[in-house]
């Protein structure tokens, strides 16, 4: 095992990784921007290095600065967390060039999976179902022809996309040209790549993903699925495991497909295969996230496997202690708490957290970086905490999640806590019969109700 590891991130995921390192007896080195000089992850680490001003482009995304921080502190490895440089092949190569072990997949596999077109081609070669659509990058004219062939609605997607950026749902031919232009411009601004492709939109559809861990000795472990269909703007708000939509046979088929794909592409370390589940129960690969996922605690709660610890052990060359299908039990739900104002189009709400009181009690886990008095800076992602619960079955887990949310206090900034309570109490969620469009539908009903009551908006 390593003796010292750089944590190339901030916020709750940096705190999470530092805790795993300390439990393994490994020293943790934090990096921080000027905006994060008093942050929790900086205080928890054994060493901390200032790497630049608040802008992520000048700090957390600046590869030379991150590599220098690792080298000057004598680190042997780098854990990227998620976001920032976690899926940047150039960063992986820079680590290797500086004799630093990157805690994640190799650069060539990451590059292949980071390009959605090449990823789909690799999945087809591995006999993994993919959504019907164009085979490669496409022009607006070719996109129109493809949409006419596969039928509307379709999704325009950026080949280098993620987080819903560079994506547009097109329901009719007359919408396509404007949507293509807007999506391409958004993709170019976000990723420096305006390349687009077309997929058939499955409506309604569910977003179900399979967690995997692969070691350097050819062993693959699949850890079951996570249901991630409660989304807004293609970003997840609530996740749970297991999915109410999967039969045991469908679950095994998805895990088998993920395992087959891992072996075909030579995947290593932790990753997540994301699938769309159609109304008829058929599933289709959409992307492989070649990193740790925000929602990994859901899987940890159901399997008892510490995924971050396994990442570090695998990166150090050790074999997986469990292979095949991970044992699992009970039901887990994760709610992302964001510093956003749902009543004003989810506008980010940085500022001072005057009081933070997390929930406690049996089966409750809170991953966060905030405390009473924390100032949430405006420069980074708005997620401030993850509330995760576990219980014996789904109904009990929902009740526990509601109880824990009500016990959670965040004062000083608007959050998505009350919205999460509304979703948990809704009929679609309680029944388990929901899709990626459910949250938008629930919000639309709420807005009509307010408008009908004469409430000014």
Foldseek 3Di string as FASTA:
>chain_A
DWAEEEELDDWLQLVVLCVLCVVVNHAYEYEDAPLCPPFQSCVSGPHYYYQYHLACVRGSQDLVSSVVSCVVVVGQEYEHRDPRCFLPLVSQVVCVVVNYQYLFWHSVLSVQQQQQLSVQVLLVVLVAFAFDWDNFFDDLVVRLVGCVVVDDFKKKAFRNDDPLQLIDTRGDSVCRPVSLVRSLVRCCVVPVGSTIIMGHDFPFKWKKKWKWAAFPPGFIEIQWIKTFQADDSSHGFKIKPDAPLDDPVLRVVVSVSVSSSCNSSVGHAIKMFMWIQHPVRDIHTRGIGRHDDPPCVNSCLFQVDDRSSVSVCRSVRDHDPDGDYGHTAFMKMKGWKFLFDVVVVRHHWWAAFQAWDFFDDPFKDKRFGDHHGDTGDPNDGGTGMMIMGTDHYDVVNLVVLLVRLVRTDTPDTDICSVVVNVQSPDPCVVVSNDGNCVSVVVVVVVVVVCVVVVHDD
